[in-house]
Amino acid sequence: MTETTEVALERYRQLAAGDDSARSGHYRDLVTSYYDLVTDLYLEGWGPSHHFAPLKPGDSHVDALAARQEFLAGRAGLRPGMKVLDVGSGVGGPALNIAGISGAHVTGLDLTPVRVEHARRRARDLGLQERTTFVDGDAMDMPFEDASFDVVYAFEAICHTADKDRTHAEIARVLKPGGLSIGYEWLAADGLPTAALDRLIEPICRYYALPHLATPGRLTRQLQHAGFTDIVVGDAEATGDLAATWDYLDQLADLGEQFDDSPVRKFMVEGARALTRAAREGAFLIDFWEARKPGTPSE
């Protein structure tokens, strides 16, 4: 590993070392520095869809991710002619799959230019450049006109934003009347004592470029404050059982520990251990949400 990468990792650690207020103050640098470091290893070990999904007996990891995306597309009622926004679209895995299976046009918005360019290349390679658009931008200040989209979704991405109330307000702004906000989010359990937050949640924030984590209760209030109605947070069927997924992540971490040539790989193994530990103790959650913008959809 080059000295440049080692320096970059140390710089990221310094950015992540502060409290949630400090991380929020430089969230853009925090998030872009993180993904500049880890994207290649994510692609190597996880593929182009950088989120989690329940693993069922006989299903591969790739099958599980595709099933999660297909479930969301079906639940949102995506179909040809609809305009859809993917918040935190990364390298384009979910956006390209959802555009392909639904026929809707999907615009991906991501804070990290390197990942946006990767998504554009993948769209060209897959022949989906006419059905997708990938934009470099901030979910807290979206570069879109009011009422631009029928549906806005996110796969475990809003957790990277510094002001989640503002992010949900922006989602409401760019949705058409009657439009749907839907997705999956990383959360801390409601009511955790300070000791559990410090021991289990704070390490996740530092390893995964998160200014802070909301809770299910806070997510509900954020959606309410943004003006949404028909709010669902934590639907059990939609969320699914991730126990086998944490086992799979630990297996990948075991494999990663066999390599000693990469400080970034070691860093990612440490992060995976922190995540599975908090999940198994019930402190860390991935929950489904959906909410409707008031108004009558236009045809």
Protein backbone atom coordinates (compact mmCIF):
# COMPACT_ATOMS: atom_id res chain seq x y z
CA MET A 1 0.00 0.00 0.00
CA THR A 2 1.41 3.35 -0.94
CA GLU A 3 2.32 6.01 1.57
CA THR A 4 -0.29 8.27 -0.04
CA THR A 5 -3.07 5.83 0.89
CA GLU A 6 -1.73 5.46 4.42
CA VAL A 7 -1.70 9.23 4.79
CA ALA A 8 -5.24 9.40 3.41
CA LEU A 9 -6.41 6.79 5.91
CA GLU A 10 -4.85 8.69 8.78
CA ARG A 11 -6.49 11.88 7.56
CA TYR A 12 -9.85 10.13 7.45
CA ARG A 13 -9.35 8.83 10.99
CA GLN A 14 -8.72 12.38 12.16
CA LEU A 15 -11.85 13.63 10.42
CA ALA A 16 -13.92 10.86 12.02
CA ALA A 17 -12.39 11.17 15.49
CA GLY A 18 -14.47 14.13 16.66
CA ASP A 19 -17.93 14.01 18.17
CA ASP A 20 -21.11 14.16 16.10
CA SER A 21 -21.07 17.96 16.05
CA ALA A 22 -17.52 18.04 14.70
CA ARG A 23 -18.26 15.35 12.09
CA SER A 24 -21.35 17.24 11.00
CA GLY A 25 -19.26 20.37 10.49
CA HIS A 26 -17.08 18.70 7.86
CA TYR A 27 -19.41 15.92 6.69
CA ARG A 28 -18.66 16.44 2.99
CA ASP A 29 -14.92 15.95 3.49
CA LEU A 30 -15.62 13.06 5.86
CA VAL A 31 -17.83 11.18 3.40
CA THR A 32 -15.81 11.81 0.25
CA SER A 33 -12.55 10.87 2.02
CA TYR A 34 -14.11 7.64 3.24
CA TYR A 35 -15.42 6.52 -0.13
CA ASP A 36 -12.20 7.49 -1.90
CA LEU A 37 -10.51 4.99 0.41
CA VAL A 38 -12.96 2.10 0.42
CA THR A 39 -14.84 2.02 -2.89
CA ASP A 40 -12.44 -0.35 -4.65
CA LEU A 41 -12.58 -2.83 -1.76
CA TYR A 42 -16.36 -2.53 -1.56
CA LEU A 43 -16.55 -3.44 -5.24
CA GLU A 44 -14.17 -6.35 -4.70
CA GLY A 45 -15.94 -7.81 -1.67
CA TRP A 46 -19.56 -6.63 -1.93
CA GLY A 47 -20.21 -5.83 -5.59
CA PRO A 48 -21.83 -2.66 -6.96
CA SER A 49 -24.77 -2.52 -4.51
CA HIS A 50 -23.48 -1.13 -1.22
CA HIS A 51 -26.26 -1.97 1.20
CA PHE A 52 -27.50 -4.95 3.21
CA ALA A 53 -30.29 -7.47 2.64
CA PRO A 54 -31.65 -10.56 4.40
CA LEU A 55 -29.92 -13.76 3.35
CA LYS A 56 -32.28 -16.68 2.89
CA PRO A 57 -31.21 -20.34 2.67
CA GLY A 58 -29.92 -21.09 -0.81
CA ASP A 59 -29.64 -17.45 -1.85
CA SER A 60 -26.33 -15.87 -2.72
CA HIS A 61 -25.35 -12.43 -1.45
CA VAL A 62 -25.98 -11.04 -4.95
CA ASP A 63 -29.43 -12.68 -5.05
CA ALA A 64 -30.32 -11.13 -1.69
CA LEU A 65 -29.34 -7.61 -2.76
CA ALA A 66 -31.32 -7.94 -6.00
CA ALA A 67 -34.36 -9.21 -4.10
CA ARG A 68 -34.19 -6.20 -1.74
CA GLN A 69 -34.12 -3.82 -4.69
CA GLU A 70 -36.93 -5.63 -6.49
CA PHE A 71 -39.04 -5.55 -3.32
CA LEU A 72 -38.61 -1.79 -3.02
CA ALA A 73 -39.42 -1.25 -6.70
CA GLY A 74 -42.60 -3.30 -6.30
CA ARG A 75 -43.63 -1.67 -3.03
CA ALA A 76 -43.16 1.77 -4.61
CA GLY A 77 -45.14 0.76 -7.70
CA LEU A 78 -42.38 1.78 -10.09
CA ARG A 79 -43.27 1.51 -13.79
CA PRO A 80 -42.32 2.98 -17.16
CA GLY A 81 -42.86 6.71 -17.43
CA MET A 82 -42.14 7.42 -13.76
CA LYS A 83 -39.29 9.67 -12.66
CA VAL A 84 -37.43 8.32 -9.66
CA LEU A 85 -34.59 9.69 -7.50
CA ASP A 86 -32.00 7.49 -5.75
CA VAL A 87 -30.48 9.47 -2.85
CA GLY A 88 -26.89 8.38 -2.20
CA SER A 89 -26.71 6.28 -5.34
CA GLY A 90 -23.04 5.31 -4.94
CA VAL A 91 -21.60 3.40 -7.88
CA GLY A 92 -25.09 2.87 -9.28
CA GLY A 93 -25.86 -0.74 -8.38
CA PRO A 94 -29.46 -0.31 -7.14
CA ALA A 95 -30.31 2.51 -9.57
CA LEU A 96 -29.26 0.50 -12.60
CA ASN A 97 -31.00 -2.66 -11.42
CA ILE A 98 -34.22 -0.82 -10.56
CA ALA A 99 -34.22 1.08 -13.84
CA GLY A 100 -33.72 -2.19 -15.68
CA ILE A 101 -36.50 -4.14 -13.97
CA SER A 102 -39.10 -1.36 -13.60
CA GLY A 103 -38.71 0.66 -16.80
CA ALA A 104 -38.77 3.87 -14.75
CA HIS A 105 -36.15 6.57 -15.29
CA VAL A 106 -33.84 6.71 -12.26
CA THR A 107 -31.68 9.70 -11.38
CA GLY A 108 -28.88 8.93 -8.95
CA LEU A 109 -27.60 11.66 -6.61
CA ASP A 110 -24.32 11.13 -4.76
CA LEU A 111 -21.91 13.33 -2.83
CA THR A 112 -18.76 11.61 -4.08
CA PRO A 113 -17.65 12.45 -7.65
CA VAL A 114 -15.54 9.29 -8.01
CA ARG A 115 -18.60 7.11 -7.40
CA VAL A 116 -20.81 9.17 -9.71
CA GLU A 117 -18.33 8.69 -12.55
CA HIS A 118 -18.16 4.96 -11.83
CA ALA A 119 -21.98 4.78 -12.03
CA ARG A 120 -21.98 6.58 -15.37
CA ARG A 121 -19.45 4.10 -16.77
CA ARG A 122 -21.54 1.15 -15.56
CA ALA A 123 -24.66 2.67 -17.13
CA ARG A 124 -22.87 2.85 -20.48
CA ASP A 125 -21.55 -0.68 -20.14
CA LEU A 126 -25.05 -2.00 -19.38
CA GLY A 127 -26.75 0.04 -22.09
CA LEU A 128 -28.87 1.90 -19.52
CA GLN A 129 -27.60 5.43 -20.11
CA GLU A 130 -30.98 6.45 -21.59
CA ARG A 131 -32.86 5.23 -18.53
CA THR A 132 -30.54 6.63 -15.85
CA THR A 133 -28.80 9.87 -14.96
CA PHE A 134 -26.11 10.25 -12.29
CA VAL A 135 -25.52 13.61 -10.64
CA ASP A 136 -22.86 14.86 -8.22
CA GLY A 137 -24.67 16.71 -5.44
CA ASP A 138 -25.68 17.06 -1.79
CA ALA A 139 -28.87 15.47 -0.45
CA MET A 140 -29.23 18.45 1.91
CA ASP A 141 -29.32 20.88 -1.04
CA MET A 142 -30.55 18.95 -4.05
CA PRO A 143 -29.87 20.37 -7.54
CA PHE A 144 -33.41 19.67 -8.74
CA GLU A 145 -36.57 21.72 -9.28
CA ASP A 146 -39.56 21.39 -6.99
CA ALA A 147 -41.92 18.49 -7.77
CA SER A 148 -39.49 16.73 -10.11
CA PHE A 149 -39.97 13.09 -9.07
CA ASP A 150 -42.76 10.58 -8.53
CA VAL A 151 -40.74 8.52 -6.04
CA VAL A 152 -37.59 9.17 -4.01
CA TYR A 153 -35.80 6.22 -2.42
CA ALA A 154 -32.57 5.61 -0.51
CA PHE A 155 -30.68 2.46 0.41
CA GLU A 156 -28.91 3.12 3.72
CA ALA A 157 -27.54 6.49 2.59
CA ILE A 158 -29.28 9.28 4.50
CA CYS A 159 -27.27 8.22 7.56
CA HIS A 160 -24.29 10.01 5.93
CA THR A 161 -26.03 13.39 5.98
CA ALA A 162 -25.34 15.92 8.71
CA ASP A 163 -28.86 17.37 8.91
CA LYS A 164 -31.40 14.63 8.41
CA ASP A 165 -34.40 16.91 8.95
CA ARG A 166 -33.15 19.04 6.09
CA THR A 167 -32.58 15.98 3.91
CA HIS A 168 -36.14 14.74 4.36
CA ALA A 169 -37.42 18.26 3.73
CA GLU A 170 -35.48 18.30 0.46
CA ILE A 171 -36.97 14.94 -0.48
CA ALA A 172 -40.43 16.37 0.16
CA ARG A 173 -39.62 19.44 -1.94
CA VAL A 174 -38.50 17.50 -5.03
CA LEU A 175 -41.38 15.01 -4.83
CA LYS A 176 -44.53 15.65 -6.82
CA PRO A 177 -47.80 15.96 -4.85
CA GLY A 178 -48.81 12.48 -3.75
CA GLY A 179 -45.27 11.22 -4.29
CA LEU A 180 -43.63 8.53 -2.19
CA SER A 181 -40.48 8.62 -0.05
CA ILE A 182 -39.26 5.08 0.64
CA GLY A 183 -36.14 3.21 1.63
CA TYR A 184 -33.88 1.69 4.24
CA GLU A 185 -31.85 3.49 6.87
CA TRP A 186 -29.11 2.81 9.42
CA LEU A 187 -30.40 3.67 12.89
CA ALA A 188 -29.52 3.43 16.56
CA ALA A 189 -32.16 1.81 18.74
CA ASP A 190 -34.43 4.14 20.65
CA GLY A 191 -33.60 4.77 24.30
CA LEU A 192 -29.98 3.60 24.38
CA PRO A 193 -28.08 4.78 27.46
CA THR A 194 -25.01 6.94 26.96
CA ALA A 195 -22.67 4.04 27.76
CA ALA A 196 -24.19 1.93 24.96
CA LEU A 197 -24.05 4.82 22.52
CA ASP A 198 -20.37 5.35 23.31
CA ARG A 199 -19.47 1.65 23.19
CA LEU A 200 -21.56 0.45 20.25
CA ILE A 201 -22.83 3.33 18.10
CA GLU A 202 -19.91 5.76 18.19
CA PRO A 203 -17.48 3.21 16.65
CA ILE A 204 -19.90 2.63 13.77
CA CYS A 205 -20.05 6.36 13.11
CA ARG A 206 -16.26 6.59 13.05
CA TYR A 207 -15.72 3.56 10.82
CA TYR A 208 -18.47 4.41 8.34
CA ALA A 209 -18.30 8.21 7.90
CA LEU A 210 -21.52 8.95 9.75
CA PRO A 211 -21.96 12.31 11.47
CA HIS A 212 -24.52 10.61 13.74
CA LEU A 213 -27.31 8.05 13.62
CA ALA A 214 -31.00 8.80 14.00
CA THR A 215 -33.35 6.40 15.80
CA PRO A 216 -36.70 5.00 14.65
CA GLY A 217 -38.48 7.60 16.76
CA ARG A 218 -36.37 10.43 15.35
CA LEU A 219 -36.86 9.20 11.79
CA THR A 220 -40.63 9.28 12.33
CA ARG A 221 -40.41 12.85 13.63
CA GLN A 222 -38.14 13.88 10.75
CA LEU A 223 -40.72 12.61 8.26
CA GLN A 224 -43.51 14.37 10.15
CA HIS A 225 -41.57 17.65 10.24
CA ALA A 226 -41.03 17.39 6.47
CA GLY A 227 -44.79 17.28 6.01
CA PHE A 228 -45.23 13.63 5.08
CA THR A 229 -48.31 11.58 5.90
CA ASP A 230 -49.08 7.83 5.91
CA ILE A 231 -45.73 7.27 7.63
CA VAL A 232 -44.45 3.74 8.20
CA VAL A 233 -41.17 3.12 10.02
CA GLY A 234 -40.00 -0.41 10.75
CA ASP A 235 -42.32 -2.66 8.77
CA ALA A 236 -41.14 -6.13 9.80
CA GLU A 237 -41.80 -7.85 6.47
CA ALA A 238 -40.06 -5.11 4.52
CA THR A 239 -37.12 -4.87 6.93
CA GLY A 240 -36.49 -8.60 7.18
CA ASP A 241 -34.25 -10.67 9.45
CA LEU A 242 -30.60 -9.71 9.00
CA ALA A 243 -29.09 -12.28 11.40
CA ALA A 244 -27.66 -14.42 8.59
CA THR A 245 -26.34 -11.28 6.92
CA TRP A 246 -24.29 -10.41 10.00
CA ASP A 247 -22.89 -13.96 9.90
CA TYR A 248 -21.92 -13.40 6.25
CA LEU A 249 -20.27 -10.08 7.09
CA ASP A 250 -18.26 -11.77 9.84
CA GLN A 251 -17.15 -14.42 7.34
CA LEU A 252 -15.91 -11.68 5.02
CA ALA A 253 -14.10 -10.08 7.95
CA ASP A 254 -12.46 -13.43 8.77
CA LEU A 255 -11.30 -13.64 5.17
CA GLY A 256 -10.04 -10.06 5.25
CA GLU A 257 -7.94 -10.77 8.32
CA GLN A 258 -5.90 -13.23 6.25
CA PHE A 259 -4.47 -10.29 4.29
CA ASP A 260 -1.84 -8.05 5.85
CA ASP A 261 -0.98 -5.94 2.79
CA SER A 262 -3.65 -3.28 3.20
CA PRO A 263 -4.23 -0.86 6.09
CA VAL A 264 -7.56 0.04 4.49
CA ARG A 265 -8.63 -3.61 4.46
CA LYS A 266 -7.72 -3.91 8.14
CA PHE A 267 -9.70 -0.74 8.85
CA MET A 268 -12.74 -2.19 7.05
CA VAL A 269 -12.47 -5.46 8.99
CA GLU A 270 -12.49 -3.49 12.25
CA GLY A 271 -15.55 -1.61 11.04
CA ALA A 272 -17.38 -4.81 10.14
CA ARG A 273 -16.72 -6.22 13.61
CA ALA A 274 -18.09 -3.05 15.20
CA LEU A 275 -21.22 -3.24 13.06
CA THR A 276 -22.05 -6.90 13.73
CA ARG A 277 -21.36 -6.51 17.45
CA ALA A 278 -23.79 -3.58 17.75
CA ALA A 279 -26.40 -5.34 15.61
CA ARG A 280 -26.31 -8.52 17.67
CA GLU A 281 -26.68 -6.53 20.88
CA GLY A 282 -29.73 -4.78 19.46
CA ALA A 283 -28.17 -1.31 19.45
CA PHE A 284 -27.86 -0.99 15.67
CA LEU A 285 -30.81 -1.38 13.30
CA ILE A 286 -31.57 -1.19 9.61
CA ASP A 287 -35.21 -0.20 9.24
CA PHE A 288 -37.57 0.29 6.34
CA TRP A 289 -39.60 3.47 5.96
CA GLU A 290 -42.16 4.90 3.59
CA ALA A 291 -44.13 8.15 3.66
CA ARG A 292 -46.41 10.06 1.31
CA LYS A 293 -46.28 13.71 0.29
CA PRO A 294 -49.76 15.22 0.60
CA GLY A 295 -51.61 16.01 -2.60
CA THR A 296 -53.09 14.30 -5.62
CA PRO A 297 -50.66 12.69 -8.07
CA SER A 298 -50.85 14.08 -11.58
CA GLU A 299 -51.10 11.65 -14.47
